[in-house]
PDB file of N, CA and C in Angstrom:
ATOM      1  N   MET A   1     -17.426   0.629  -2.640  1.00  0.00           N
ATOM      2  CA  MET A   1     -16.325   1.261  -1.892  1.00  0.00           C
ATOM      3  C   MET A   1     -16.140   2.685  -2.418  1.00  0.00           C
ATOM      4  N   ASN A   2     -16.041   3.627  -1.514  1.00  0.00           N
ATOM      5  CA  ASN A   2     -15.908   5.024  -1.940  1.00  0.00           C
ATOM      6  C   ASN A   2     -14.464   5.350  -2.305  1.00  0.00           C
ATOM      7  N   ALA A   3     -14.296   6.498  -2.924  1.00  0.00           N
ATOM      8  CA  ALA A   3     -12.975   6.876  -3.439  1.00  0.00           C
ATOM      9  C   ALA A   3     -11.953   7.036  -2.316  1.00  0.00           C
ATOM     10  N   ASP A   4     -12.366   7.571  -1.180  1.00  0.00           N
ATOM     11  CA  ASP A   4     -11.425   7.774  -0.072  1.00  0.00           C
ATOM     12  C   ASP A   4     -10.883   6.441   0.436  1.00  0.00           C
ATOM     13  N   ALA A   5     -11.767   5.475   0.603  1.00  0.00           N
ATOM     14  CA  ALA A   5     -11.337   4.165   1.093  1.00  0.00           C
ATOM     15  C   ALA A   5     -10.419   3.504   0.068  1.00  0.00           C
ATOM     16  N   TYR A   6     -10.741   3.659  -1.210  1.00  0.00           N
ATOM     17  CA  TYR A   6      -9.907   3.073  -2.251  1.00  0.00           C
ATOM     18  C   TYR A   6      -8.521   3.704  -2.247  1.00  0.00           C
ATOM     19  N   GLY A   7      -8.476   5.016  -2.139  1.00  0.00           N
ATOM     20  CA  GLY A   7      -7.190   5.714  -2.125  1.00  0.00           C
ATOM     21  C   GLY A   7      -6.356   5.329  -0.916  1.00  0.00           C
ATOM     22  N   LEU A   8      -7.002   5.199   0.236  1.00  0.00           N
ATOM     23  CA  LEU A   8      -6.283   4.821   1.454  1.00  0.00           C
ATOM     24  C   LEU A   8      -5.745   3.406   1.325  1.00  0.00           C
ATOM     25  N   ASP A   9      -6.571   2.496   0.818  1.00  0.00           N
ATOM     26  CA  ASP A   9      -6.136   1.107   0.637  1.00  0.00           C
ATOM     27  C   ASP A   9      -4.945   1.049  -0.304  1.00  0.00           C
ATOM     28  N   ARG A  10      -4.992   1.860  -1.352  1.00  0.00           N
ATOM     29  CA  ARG A  10      -3.900   1.883  -2.314  1.00  0.00           C
ATOM     30  C   ARG A  10      -2.626   2.425  -1.667  1.00  0.00           C
ATOM     31  N   LYS A  11      -2.757   3.478  -0.858  1.00  0.00           N
ATOM     32  CA  LYS A  11      -1.580   4.026  -0.173  1.00  0.00           C
ATOM     33  C   LYS A  11      -0.977   2.997   0.767  1.00  0.00           C
ATOM     34  N   VAL A  12      -1.826   2.270   1.476  1.00  0.00           N
ATOM     35  CA  VAL A  12      -1.332   1.245   2.406  1.00  0.00           C
ATOM     36  C   VAL A  12      -0.585   0.164   1.637  1.00  0.00           C
ATOM     37  N   LYS A  13      -1.133  -0.290   0.512  1.00  0.00           N
ATOM     38  CA  LYS A  13      -0.468  -1.330  -0.284  1.00  0.00           C
ATOM     39  C   LYS A  13       0.882  -0.845  -0.811  1.00  0.00           C
ATOM     40  N   ILE A  14       0.911   0.398  -1.273  1.00  0.00           N
ATOM     41  CA  ILE A  14       2.175   0.958  -1.785  1.00  0.00           C
ATOM     42  C   ILE A  14       3.195   1.065  -0.659  1.00  0.00           C
ATOM     43  N   THR A  15       2.739   1.542   0.502  1.00  0.00           N
ATOM     44  CA  THR A  15       3.650   1.678   1.641  1.00  0.00           C
ATOM     45  C   THR A  15       4.193   0.324   2.067  1.00  0.00           C
ATOM     46  N   MET A  16       3.307  -0.675   2.131  1.00  0.00           N
ATOM     47  CA  MET A  16       3.753  -2.015   2.523  1.00  0.00           C
ATOM     48  C   MET A  16       4.734  -2.574   1.500  1.00  0.00           C
ATOM     49  N   ALA A  17       4.476  -2.318   0.222  1.00  0.00           N
ATOM     50  CA  ALA A  17       5.389  -2.799  -0.816  1.00  0.00           C
ATOM     51  C   ALA A  17       6.769  -2.163  -0.646  1.00  0.00           C
ATOM     52  N   ILE A  18       6.798  -0.855  -0.371  1.00  0.00           N
ATOM     53  CA  ILE A  18       8.072  -0.157  -0.184  1.00  0.00           C
ATOM     54  C   ILE A  18       8.810  -0.712   1.041  1.00  0.00           C
ATOM     55  N   LEU A  19       8.055  -1.010   2.100  1.00  0.00           N
ATOM     56  CA  LEU A  19       8.692  -1.494   3.327  1.00  0.00           C
ATOM     57  C   LEU A  19       9.162  -2.935   3.199  1.00  0.00           C
ATOM     58  N   PHE A  20       8.365  -3.777   2.536  1.00  0.00           N
ATOM     59  CA  PHE A  20       8.655  -5.214   2.560  1.00  0.00           C
ATOM     60  C   PHE A  20       9.467  -5.715   1.374  1.00  0.00           C
ATOM     61  N   LEU A  21       9.429  -5.014   0.251  1.00  0.00           N
ATOM     62  CA  LEU A  21      10.226  -5.479  -0.894  1.00  0.00           C
ATOM     63  C   LEU A  21      11.719  -5.534  -0.584  1.00  0.00           C
ATOM     64  N   PRO A  22      12.309  -4.519   0.070  1.00  0.00           N
ATOM     65  CA  PRO A  22      13.730  -4.616   0.417  1.00  0.00           C
ATOM     66  C   PRO A  22      14.021  -5.778   1.374  1.00  0.00           C
ATOM     67  N   VAL A  23      13.052  -6.132   2.195  1.00  0.00           N
ATOM     68  CA  VAL A  23      13.252  -7.223   3.152  1.00  0.00           C
ATOM     69  C   VAL A  23      13.263  -8.569   2.434  1.00  0.00           C
ATOM     70  N   THR A  24      12.360  -8.735   1.452  1.00  0.00           N
ATOM     71  CA  THR A  24      12.244 -10.022   0.775  1.00  0.00           C
ATOM     72  C   THR A  24      13.325 -10.211  -0.272  1.00  0.00           C
ATOM     73  N   ASN A  25      13.931  -9.111  -0.740  1.00  0.00           N
ATOM     74  CA  ASN A  25      14.927  -9.253  -1.815  1.00  0.00           C
ATOM     75  C   ASN A  25      16.339  -9.407  -1.280  1.00  0.00           C
TER      76      ASN A  25
END
């Protein structure tokens, strides 16, 4: 996996965490 794909995947995970953590808590 190249660096761009890794960075994008990481951004998506962080964004999802920010969006969904307030919902689950």
